[in-house]
Amino acid sequence: MGHEIAPVDGLSDLEQAPSGMVHKLVTGLRGSYGGMMMFGMMSTLVGMTMINPFSVAAGVMLGRKSYKEDAEARLTRRRAEAKAAVRRFVDDVLFEVGRESRYRLRTIQRLLRDHFREIAEQTTRSLTESIKAIEESARTQVADRETRAKAIEADLAFLGQISTWAGGGDREHV
């Protein structure tokens, strides 16, 4: 039909921005601070200082765990955003395809309707002209027959007169 489907909005940038060193550090410190404090408080009950190798090791492990959980949460969030973006994109494409197909279907229906209407009109004109020609021919034949019938009647009348004259005149002269 010569039309192209209108472009739909593209997918948003789905690349995950790399987390910076500061973000990693803050996330790790947030997790390690709670772990160090928790193990530090427990170690003070045993008589150790608050900051000791066990509490530091626990802080590092909990900081690492906190960082991994944060990375997984960011990845899950980005995946959900990507799914939503793909869903919106597919919805946009389906909407455009549906709209364009309805438009093209209406255009094709109009073209077919006009085409067959023109064929029907041509056929009707042709049939009307044929009927008129047949009626004219019939009228002409009827008129010719009437003229011929009148001529034959006139000839019969003339022959009748001649027959009467010939029949009556032969007897007198004979």
N, C-alpha and C. Protein backbone atom coordinates (compact mmCIF):
# COMPACT_ATOMS: atom_id res chain seq x y z
N MET A 1 0.82 -1.19 0.00
CA MET A 1 0.00 0.00 0.00
C MET A 1 0.86 1.25 0.00
N GLY A 2 2.15 1.11 0.23
CA GLY A 2 3.04 2.26 0.21
C GLY A 2 3.17 2.95 1.55
N HIS A 3 2.51 2.46 2.59
CA HIS A 3 2.62 3.06 3.91
C HIS A 3 3.53 2.22 4.77
N GLU A 4 4.23 2.89 5.66
CA GLU A 4 5.05 2.16 6.61
C GLU A 4 4.45 2.37 7.99
N ILE A 5 4.69 1.41 8.85
CA ILE A 5 4.19 1.53 10.22
C ILE A 5 5.00 2.61 10.92
N ALA A 6 4.30 3.46 11.65
CA ALA A 6 4.97 4.54 12.37
C ALA A 6 5.91 3.93 13.42
N PRO A 7 7.09 4.52 13.58
CA PRO A 7 8.02 3.95 14.57
C PRO A 7 7.49 4.11 15.99
N VAL A 8 7.76 3.13 16.82
CA VAL A 8 7.36 3.19 18.23
C VAL A 8 8.57 3.58 19.06
N ASP A 9 8.28 3.97 20.29
CA ASP A 9 9.38 4.36 21.17
C ASP A 9 10.32 3.19 21.39
N GLY A 10 11.61 3.44 21.33
CA GLY A 10 12.59 2.38 21.51
C GLY A 10 12.71 1.99 22.97
N LEU A 11 13.40 0.91 23.18
CA LEU A 11 13.63 0.48 24.56
C LEU A 11 14.60 1.46 25.22
N SER A 12 14.34 1.71 26.49
CA SER A 12 15.23 2.61 27.21
C SER A 12 16.59 1.94 27.39
N ASP A 13 17.55 2.73 27.75
CA ASP A 13 18.89 2.20 27.93
C ASP A 13 18.88 1.21 29.09
N LEU A 14 19.06 -0.07 28.76
CA LEU A 14 18.96 -1.11 29.78
C LEU A 14 20.30 -1.49 30.39
N GLU A 15 21.35 -0.84 29.97
CA GLU A 15 22.66 -1.15 30.52
C GLU A 15 22.73 -0.68 31.97
N GLN A 16 23.23 -1.53 32.82
CA GLN A 16 23.37 -1.16 34.22
C GLN A 16 24.66 -0.36 34.36
N ALA A 17 24.50 0.80 34.95
CA ALA A 17 25.69 1.63 35.16
C ALA A 17 26.57 0.95 36.20
N PRO A 18 27.84 0.90 35.94
CA PRO A 18 28.71 0.25 36.93
C PRO A 18 28.70 1.06 38.23
N SER A 19 28.63 0.33 39.35
CA SER A 19 28.61 1.03 40.62
C SER A 19 30.01 1.54 40.91
N GLY A 20 30.06 2.76 41.39
CA GLY A 20 31.35 3.38 41.66
C GLY A 20 31.99 2.85 42.92
N MET A 21 33.22 3.20 43.08
CA MET A 21 34.00 2.75 44.23
C MET A 21 33.40 3.28 45.53
N VAL A 22 32.88 4.50 45.49
CA VAL A 22 32.30 5.11 46.69
C VAL A 22 31.05 4.32 47.10
N HIS A 23 30.21 3.97 46.11
CA HIS A 23 29.00 3.21 46.41
C HIS A 23 29.36 1.86 47.02
N LYS A 24 30.36 1.21 46.46
CA LYS A 24 30.79 -0.09 47.00
C LYS A 24 31.27 0.07 48.43
N LEU A 25 32.06 1.10 48.66
CA LEU A 25 32.63 1.33 49.97
C LEU A 25 31.54 1.62 51.00
N VAL A 26 30.57 2.48 50.65
CA VAL A 26 29.50 2.83 51.58
C VAL A 26 28.63 1.61 51.88
N THR A 27 28.31 0.83 50.86
CA THR A 27 27.50 -0.36 51.07
C THR A 27 28.23 -1.36 51.97
N GLY A 28 29.50 -1.55 51.70
CA GLY A 28 30.29 -2.47 52.53
C GLY A 28 30.41 -1.98 53.96
N LEU A 29 30.66 -0.69 54.15
CA LEU A 29 30.79 -0.15 55.50
C LEU A 29 29.47 -0.23 56.26
N ARG A 30 28.35 0.00 55.56
CA ARG A 30 27.03 -0.08 56.20
C ARG A 30 26.81 -1.49 56.77
N GLY A 31 27.14 -2.52 56.00
CA GLY A 31 26.97 -3.89 56.47
C GLY A 31 28.01 -4.27 57.52
N SER A 32 29.24 -3.80 57.34
CA SER A 32 30.30 -4.20 58.27
C SER A 32 30.17 -3.51 59.62
N TYR A 33 29.65 -2.29 59.63
CA TYR A 33 29.51 -1.54 60.88
C TYR A 33 28.59 -2.29 61.85
N GLY A 34 27.43 -2.75 61.31
CA GLY A 34 26.50 -3.48 62.18
C GLY A 34 27.12 -4.78 62.67
N GLY A 35 27.83 -5.50 61.80
CA GLY A 35 28.45 -6.77 62.17
C GLY A 35 29.55 -6.57 63.20
N MET A 36 30.37 -5.54 62.98
CA MET A 36 31.45 -5.27 63.95
C MET A 36 30.88 -4.92 65.31
N MET A 37 29.81 -4.10 65.32
CA MET A 37 29.23 -3.69 66.59
C MET A 37 28.62 -4.89 67.31
N MET A 38 27.92 -5.74 66.56
CA MET A 38 27.26 -6.89 67.16
C MET A 38 28.30 -7.84 67.76
N PHE A 39 29.31 -8.22 66.97
CA PHE A 39 30.31 -9.14 67.48
C PHE A 39 31.21 -8.46 68.52
N GLY A 40 31.41 -7.16 68.37
CA GLY A 40 32.20 -6.42 69.37
C GLY A 40 31.51 -6.42 70.71
N MET A 41 30.19 -6.25 70.74
CA MET A 41 29.44 -6.25 72.00
C MET A 41 29.46 -7.63 72.63
N MET A 42 29.36 -8.66 71.80
CA MET A 42 29.40 -10.02 72.35
C MET A 42 30.80 -10.33 72.89
N SER A 43 31.81 -9.83 72.22
CA SER A 43 33.17 -10.13 72.69
C SER A 43 33.49 -9.36 73.98
N THR A 44 32.84 -8.21 74.21
CA THR A 44 33.08 -7.49 75.46
C THR A 44 32.51 -8.27 76.65
N LEU A 45 31.48 -9.07 76.40
CA LEU A 45 30.93 -9.89 77.48
C LEU A 45 31.92 -10.96 77.90
N VAL A 46 32.75 -11.41 76.98
CA VAL A 46 33.74 -12.43 77.27
C VAL A 46 35.00 -11.77 77.87
N GLY A 47 35.09 -10.46 77.76
CA GLY A 47 36.22 -9.77 78.32
C GLY A 47 37.19 -9.27 77.27
N MET A 48 36.85 -9.31 76.05
CA MET A 48 37.72 -8.82 74.97
C MET A 48 37.37 -7.37 74.68
N THR A 49 38.23 -6.73 73.95
CA THR A 49 37.95 -5.35 73.56
C THR A 49 36.88 -5.34 72.47
N MET A 50 36.29 -4.19 72.29
CA MET A 50 35.20 -4.09 71.32
C MET A 50 35.71 -4.33 69.90
N ILE A 51 36.82 -3.76 69.55
CA ILE A 51 37.38 -3.98 68.22
C ILE A 51 38.49 -5.00 68.39
N ASN A 52 38.22 -6.18 67.88
CA ASN A 52 39.19 -7.26 67.94
C ASN A 52 39.15 -7.98 66.60
N PRO A 53 40.06 -8.93 66.37
CA PRO A 53 40.10 -9.59 65.06
C PRO A 53 38.81 -10.31 64.71
N PHE A 54 38.13 -10.86 65.71
CA PHE A 54 36.87 -11.56 65.42
C PHE A 54 35.78 -10.59 64.94
N SER A 55 35.68 -9.45 65.64
CA SER A 55 34.65 -8.48 65.25
C SER A 55 34.99 -7.86 63.89
N VAL A 56 36.28 -7.65 63.60
CA VAL A 56 36.68 -7.10 62.30
C VAL A 56 36.37 -8.12 61.21
N ALA A 57 36.68 -9.40 61.46
CA ALA A 57 36.42 -10.45 60.47
C ALA A 57 34.91 -10.57 60.24
N ALA A 58 34.14 -10.51 61.33
CA ALA A 58 32.68 -10.57 61.19
C ALA A 58 32.18 -9.36 60.42
N GLY A 59 32.75 -8.20 60.67
CA GLY A 59 32.36 -6.98 59.95
C GLY A 59 32.66 -7.09 58.47
N VAL A 60 33.86 -7.64 58.14
CA VAL A 60 34.22 -7.80 56.73
C VAL A 60 33.28 -8.79 56.06
N MET A 61 32.98 -9.89 56.73
CA MET A 61 32.08 -10.89 56.13
C MET A 61 30.66 -10.32 55.95
N LEU A 62 30.15 -9.64 56.97
CA LEU A 62 28.81 -9.06 56.83
C LEU A 62 28.80 -7.90 55.84
N GLY A 63 29.89 -7.15 55.74
CA GLY A 63 29.99 -6.08 54.73
C GLY A 63 29.97 -6.66 53.32
N ARG A 64 30.72 -7.76 53.15
CA ARG A 64 30.73 -8.43 51.83
C ARG A 64 29.35 -8.96 51.50
N LYS A 65 28.70 -9.57 52.50
CA LYS A 65 27.35 -10.09 52.28
C LYS A 65 26.39 -8.95 51.95
N SER A 66 26.50 -7.84 52.63
CA SER A 66 25.65 -6.68 52.38
C SER A 66 25.86 -6.15 50.95
N TYR A 67 27.14 -6.10 50.53
CA TYR A 67 27.45 -5.63 49.17
C TYR A 67 26.85 -6.57 48.12
N LYS A 68 26.98 -7.88 48.34
CA LYS A 68 26.42 -8.86 47.39
C LYS A 68 24.89 -8.74 47.32
N GLU A 69 24.25 -8.60 48.48
CA GLU A 69 22.80 -8.45 48.50
C GLU A 69 22.37 -7.18 47.77
N ASP A 70 23.14 -6.10 47.97
CA ASP A 70 22.82 -4.85 47.28
C ASP A 70 22.98 -5.02 45.76
N ALA A 71 24.04 -5.71 45.34
CA ALA A 71 24.24 -5.94 43.91
C ALA A 71 23.12 -6.80 43.34
N GLU A 72 22.73 -7.84 44.09
CA GLU A 72 21.61 -8.68 43.63
C GLU A 72 20.31 -7.89 43.56
N ALA A 73 20.06 -7.03 44.53
CA ALA A 73 18.85 -6.21 44.55
C ALA A 73 18.85 -5.24 43.36
N ARG A 74 20.00 -4.63 43.08
CA ARG A 74 20.09 -3.73 41.92
C ARG A 74 19.86 -4.50 40.62
N LEU A 75 20.44 -5.71 40.53
CA LEU A 75 20.25 -6.54 39.32
C LEU A 75 18.79 -6.93 39.17
N THR A 76 18.14 -7.32 40.26
CA THR A 76 16.72 -7.69 40.21
C THR A 76 15.88 -6.49 39.79
N ARG A 77 16.19 -5.32 40.34
CA ARG A 77 15.46 -4.10 39.99
C ARG A 77 15.65 -3.77 38.50
N ARG A 78 16.88 -3.89 38.00
CA ARG A 78 17.14 -3.60 36.58
C ARG A 78 16.42 -4.62 35.69
N ARG A 79 16.38 -5.88 36.12
CA ARG A 79 15.65 -6.89 35.33
C ARG A 79 14.16 -6.56 35.28
N ALA A 80 13.61 -6.15 36.42
CA ALA A 80 12.18 -5.77 36.46
C ALA A 80 11.93 -4.56 35.57
N GLU A 81 12.84 -3.59 35.59
CA GLU A 81 12.70 -2.42 34.71
C GLU A 81 12.79 -2.83 33.25
N ALA A 82 13.70 -3.75 32.96
CA ALA A 82 13.86 -4.21 31.57
C ALA A 82 12.59 -4.95 31.11
N LYS A 83 12.04 -5.81 31.99
CA LYS A 83 10.81 -6.52 31.63
C LYS A 83 9.68 -5.53 31.38
N ALA A 84 9.57 -4.52 32.24
CA ALA A 84 8.51 -3.51 32.06
C ALA A 84 8.72 -2.74 30.76
N ALA A 85 9.98 -2.41 30.45
CA ALA A 85 10.27 -1.69 29.20
C ALA A 85 9.93 -2.55 27.98
N VAL A 86 10.27 -3.83 28.04
CA VAL A 86 9.96 -4.73 26.92
C VAL A 86 8.45 -4.88 26.78
N ARG A 87 7.75 -5.00 27.91
CA ARG A 87 6.29 -5.11 27.89
C ARG A 87 5.67 -3.87 27.26
N ARG A 88 6.15 -2.67 27.65
CA ARG A 88 5.65 -1.43 27.05
C ARG A 88 5.94 -1.39 25.56
N PHE A 89 7.15 -1.82 25.19
CA PHE A 89 7.55 -1.82 23.78
C PHE A 89 6.64 -2.76 22.97
N VAL A 90 6.41 -3.97 23.49
CA VAL A 90 5.54 -4.93 22.80
C VAL A 90 4.12 -4.38 22.70
N ASP A 91 3.63 -3.76 23.78
CA ASP A 91 2.29 -3.15 23.75
C ASP A 91 2.21 -2.06 22.68
N ASP A 92 3.25 -1.22 22.60
CA ASP A 92 3.28 -0.16 21.58
C ASP A 92 3.29 -0.76 20.18
N VAL A 93 4.09 -1.80 19.99
CA VAL A 93 4.16 -2.44 18.66
C VAL A 93 2.82 -3.06 18.31
N LEU A 94 2.20 -3.78 19.25
CA LEU A 94 0.90 -4.39 18.99
C LEU A 94 -0.16 -3.33 18.69
N PHE A 95 -0.13 -2.23 19.41
CA PHE A 95 -1.09 -1.16 19.16
C PHE A 95 -0.90 -0.60 17.75
N GLU A 96 0.35 -0.31 17.39
CA GLU A 96 0.63 0.25 16.07
C GLU A 96 0.25 -0.73 14.96
N VAL A 97 0.59 -2.00 15.14
CA VAL A 97 0.27 -3.00 14.12
C VAL A 97 -1.25 -3.15 13.99
N GLY A 98 -1.95 -3.18 15.10
CA GLY A 98 -3.41 -3.27 15.06
C GLY A 98 -4.03 -2.07 14.38
N ARG A 99 -3.55 -0.88 14.72
CA ARG A 99 -4.09 0.34 14.12
C ARG A 99 -3.81 0.37 12.62
N GLU A 100 -2.59 0.04 12.26
CA GLU A 100 -2.21 0.06 10.84
C GLU A 100 -2.97 -1.01 10.05
N SER A 101 -3.15 -2.19 10.64
CA SER A 101 -3.88 -3.25 9.92
C SER A 101 -5.34 -2.87 9.75
N ARG A 102 -5.96 -2.23 10.76
CA ARG A 102 -7.34 -1.76 10.61
C ARG A 102 -7.42 -0.70 9.51
N TYR A 103 -6.46 0.21 9.48
CA TYR A 103 -6.45 1.26 8.46
C TYR A 103 -6.30 0.65 7.07
N ARG A 104 -5.39 -0.28 6.92
CA ARG A 104 -5.18 -0.91 5.61
C ARG A 104 -6.38 -1.75 5.20
N LEU A 105 -7.01 -2.42 6.15
CA LEU A 105 -8.19 -3.21 5.84
C LEU A 105 -9.32 -2.31 5.35
N ARG A 106 -9.52 -1.16 6.03
CA ARG A 106 -10.55 -0.22 5.58
C ARG A 106 -10.23 0.31 4.19
N THR A 107 -8.96 0.60 3.93
CA THR A 107 -8.56 1.10 2.61
C THR A 107 -8.83 0.05 1.54
N ILE A 108 -8.47 -1.19 1.82
CA ILE A 108 -8.70 -2.27 0.84
C ILE A 108 -10.19 -2.47 0.62
N GLN A 109 -10.99 -2.41 1.69
CA GLN A 109 -12.44 -2.56 1.55
C GLN A 109 -13.00 -1.45 0.67
N ARG A 110 -12.54 -0.20 0.89
CA ARG A 110 -13.01 0.91 0.06
C ARG A 110 -12.63 0.70 -1.40
N LEU A 111 -11.38 0.29 -1.64
CA LEU A 111 -10.94 0.07 -3.02
C LEU A 111 -11.76 -1.02 -3.69
N LEU A 112 -11.97 -2.13 -2.99
CA LEU A 112 -12.76 -3.22 -3.55
C LEU A 112 -14.21 -2.79 -3.80
N ARG A 113 -14.78 -2.07 -2.83
CA ARG A 113 -16.16 -1.59 -3.00
C ARG A 113 -16.27 -0.69 -4.23
N ASP A 114 -15.35 0.26 -4.37
CA ASP A 114 -15.38 1.16 -5.52
C ASP A 114 -15.18 0.40 -6.83
N HIS A 115 -14.26 -0.54 -6.81
CA HIS A 115 -13.98 -1.33 -8.02
C HIS A 115 -15.22 -2.10 -8.47
N PHE A 116 -15.83 -2.83 -7.54
CA PHE A 116 -16.98 -3.64 -7.91
C PHE A 116 -18.22 -2.79 -8.17
N ARG A 117 -18.32 -1.63 -7.53
CA ARG A 117 -19.41 -0.71 -7.84
C ARG A 117 -19.28 -0.22 -9.28
N GLU A 118 -18.07 0.09 -9.70
CA GLU A 118 -17.84 0.53 -11.07
C GLU A 118 -18.18 -0.58 -12.07
N ILE A 119 -17.79 -1.81 -11.75
CA ILE A 119 -18.12 -2.94 -12.63
C ILE A 119 -19.64 -3.11 -12.70
N ALA A 120 -20.32 -2.99 -11.56
CA ALA A 120 -21.78 -3.13 -11.54
C ALA A 120 -22.44 -2.01 -12.34
N GLU A 121 -21.92 -0.79 -12.21
CA GLU A 121 -22.48 0.32 -12.98
C GLU A 121 -22.28 0.11 -14.48
N GLN A 122 -21.08 -0.36 -14.87
CA GLN A 122 -20.83 -0.63 -16.29
C GLN A 122 -21.77 -1.72 -16.80
N THR A 123 -21.94 -2.76 -16.02
CA THR A 123 -22.84 -3.85 -16.41
C THR A 123 -24.27 -3.34 -16.53
N THR A 124 -24.70 -2.52 -15.57
CA THR A 124 -26.05 -1.96 -15.61
C THR A 124 -26.23 -1.07 -16.84
N ARG A 125 -25.24 -0.22 -17.13
CA ARG A 125 -25.31 0.62 -18.33
C ARG A 125 -25.39 -0.24 -19.58
N SER A 126 -24.57 -1.26 -19.66
CA SER A 126 -24.56 -2.14 -20.83
C SER A 126 -25.90 -2.84 -20.99
N LEU A 127 -26.45 -3.35 -19.88
CA LEU A 127 -27.75 -4.02 -19.94
C LEU A 127 -28.86 -3.04 -20.32
N THR A 128 -28.81 -1.83 -19.77
CA THR A 128 -29.81 -0.82 -20.10
C THR A 128 -29.75 -0.48 -21.59
N GLU A 129 -28.53 -0.30 -22.11
CA GLU A 129 -28.38 -0.01 -23.54
C GLU A 129 -28.87 -1.18 -24.39
N SER A 130 -28.58 -2.40 -23.96
CA SER A 130 -29.05 -3.58 -24.69
C SER A 130 -30.57 -3.65 -24.69
N ILE A 131 -31.19 -3.38 -23.55
CA ILE A 131 -32.65 -3.40 -23.46
C ILE A 131 -33.25 -2.33 -24.36
N LYS A 132 -32.66 -1.13 -24.35
CA LYS A 132 -33.16 -0.06 -25.21
C LYS A 132 -33.04 -0.45 -26.68
N ALA A 133 -31.90 -1.04 -27.05
CA ALA A 133 -31.70 -1.46 -28.44
C ALA A 133 -32.71 -2.54 -28.83
N ILE A 134 -32.97 -3.48 -27.93
CA ILE A 134 -33.94 -4.54 -28.21
C ILE A 134 -35.34 -3.96 -28.33
N GLU A 135 -35.70 -3.03 -27.43
CA GLU A 135 -37.02 -2.40 -27.50
C GLU A 135 -37.17 -1.63 -28.80
N GLU A 136 -36.13 -0.90 -29.19
CA GLU A 136 -36.18 -0.13 -30.44
C GLU A 136 -36.32 -1.08 -31.63
N SER A 137 -35.56 -2.16 -31.59
CA SER A 137 -35.65 -3.16 -32.66
C SER A 137 -37.05 -3.75 -32.72
N ALA A 138 -37.62 -4.04 -31.56
CA ALA A 138 -38.97 -4.61 -31.51
C ALA A 138 -39.98 -3.60 -32.05
N ARG A 139 -39.84 -2.32 -31.66
CA ARG A 139 -40.74 -1.29 -32.17
C ARG A 139 -40.62 -1.17 -33.69
N THR A 140 -39.37 -1.21 -34.17
CA THR A 140 -39.15 -1.11 -35.61
C THR A 140 -39.78 -2.30 -36.32
N GLN A 141 -39.60 -3.49 -35.77
CA GLN A 141 -40.19 -4.68 -36.39
C GLN A 141 -41.71 -4.61 -36.38
N VAL A 142 -42.28 -4.15 -35.27
CA VAL A 142 -43.74 -4.02 -35.18
C VAL A 142 -44.21 -3.00 -36.22
N ALA A 143 -43.50 -1.87 -36.30
CA ALA A 143 -43.89 -0.84 -37.27
C ALA A 143 -43.75 -1.38 -38.69
N ASP A 144 -42.65 -2.12 -38.97
CA ASP A 144 -42.47 -2.71 -40.30
C ASP A 144 -43.58 -3.72 -40.60
N ARG A 145 -43.95 -4.53 -39.61
CA ARG A 145 -45.02 -5.51 -39.81
C ARG A 145 -46.35 -4.81 -40.09
N GLU A 146 -46.62 -3.77 -39.32
CA GLU A 146 -47.87 -3.04 -39.54
C GLU A 146 -47.89 -2.40 -40.92
N THR A 147 -46.76 -1.81 -41.30
CA THR A 147 -46.67 -1.21 -42.64
C THR A 147 -46.85 -2.28 -43.70
N ARG A 148 -46.18 -3.41 -43.52
CA ARG A 148 -46.29 -4.52 -44.49
C ARG A 148 -47.70 -5.08 -44.51
N ALA A 149 -48.33 -5.19 -43.30
CA ALA A 149 -49.69 -5.69 -43.23
C ALA A 149 -50.64 -4.74 -43.96
N LYS A 150 -50.48 -3.43 -43.79
CA LYS A 150 -51.31 -2.45 -44.48
C LYS A 150 -51.10 -2.55 -45.99
N ALA A 151 -49.81 -2.73 -46.37
CA ALA A 151 -49.52 -2.84 -47.80
C ALA A 151 -50.16 -4.10 -48.35
N ILE A 152 -50.09 -5.20 -47.62
CA ILE A 152 -50.70 -6.46 -48.07
C ILE A 152 -52.21 -6.31 -48.13
N GLU A 153 -52.81 -5.67 -47.13
CA GLU A 153 -54.25 -5.45 -47.14
C GLU A 153 -54.66 -4.58 -48.33
N ALA A 154 -53.83 -3.55 -48.60
CA ALA A 154 -54.13 -2.69 -49.75
C ALA A 154 -54.02 -3.49 -51.03
N ASP A 155 -52.97 -4.35 -51.12
CA ASP A 155 -52.81 -5.20 -52.30
C ASP A 155 -53.98 -6.16 -52.42
N LEU A 156 -54.42 -6.74 -51.31
CA LEU A 156 -55.55 -7.66 -51.33
C LEU A 156 -56.82 -6.93 -51.78
N ALA A 157 -56.97 -5.74 -51.25
CA ALA A 157 -58.15 -4.96 -51.65
C ALA A 157 -58.09 -4.65 -53.14
N PHE A 158 -56.90 -4.29 -53.61
CA PHE A 158 -56.73 -3.99 -55.04
C PHE A 158 -56.99 -5.23 -55.86
N LEU A 159 -56.40 -6.37 -55.40
CA LEU A 159 -56.61 -7.62 -56.12
C LEU A 159 -58.09 -8.01 -56.09
N GLY A 160 -58.73 -7.73 -54.97
CA GLY A 160 -60.15 -8.01 -54.86
C GLY A 160 -60.93 -7.17 -55.87
N GLN A 161 -60.56 -5.92 -56.01
CA GLN A 161 -61.22 -5.05 -56.98
C GLN A 161 -60.94 -5.52 -58.40
N ILE A 162 -59.69 -5.89 -58.63
CA ILE A 162 -59.33 -6.38 -59.97
C ILE A 162 -60.09 -7.67 -60.24
N SER A 163 -60.14 -8.54 -59.23
CA SER A 163 -60.85 -9.80 -59.40
C SER A 163 -62.32 -9.52 -59.68
N THR A 164 -62.90 -8.60 -58.98
CA THR A 164 -64.29 -8.25 -59.21
C THR A 164 -64.45 -7.66 -60.61
N TRP A 165 -63.60 -6.78 -60.97
CA TRP A 165 -63.68 -6.15 -62.30
C TRP A 165 -63.43 -7.18 -63.38
N ALA A 166 -62.39 -8.03 -63.17
CA ALA A 166 -62.06 -9.05 -64.18
C ALA A 166 -63.13 -10.07 -64.23
N GLY A 167 -63.68 -10.45 -63.15
CA GLY A 167 -64.73 -11.46 -63.14
C GLY A 167 -66.00 -10.91 -63.76
N GLY A 168 -66.36 -9.73 -63.52
CA GLY A 168 -67.58 -9.17 -64.03
C GLY A 168 -67.41 -8.65 -65.45
N GLY A 169 -66.28 -8.21 -65.81
CA GLY A 169 -66.07 -7.66 -67.15
C GLY A 169 -65.92 -8.73 -68.18
N ASP A 170 -65.47 -9.93 -67.88
CA ASP A 170 -65.29 -11.01 -68.86
C ASP A 170 -66.67 -11.53 -69.29
N ARG A 171 -67.59 -11.57 -68.44
CA ARG A 171 -68.89 -12.10 -68.78
C ARG A 171 -69.64 -11.15 -69.72
N GLU A 172 -69.46 -9.91 -69.57
CA GLU A 172 -70.16 -8.97 -70.42
C GLU A 172 -69.59 -8.95 -71.82
N HIS A 173 -68.32 -9.05 -71.94
CA HIS A 173 -67.68 -8.96 -73.26
C HIS A 173 -67.65 -10.28 -73.95
N VAL A 174 -67.93 -11.30 -73.38
CA VAL A 174 -67.80 -12.59 -74.02
C VAL A 174 -68.98 -12.90 -74.84
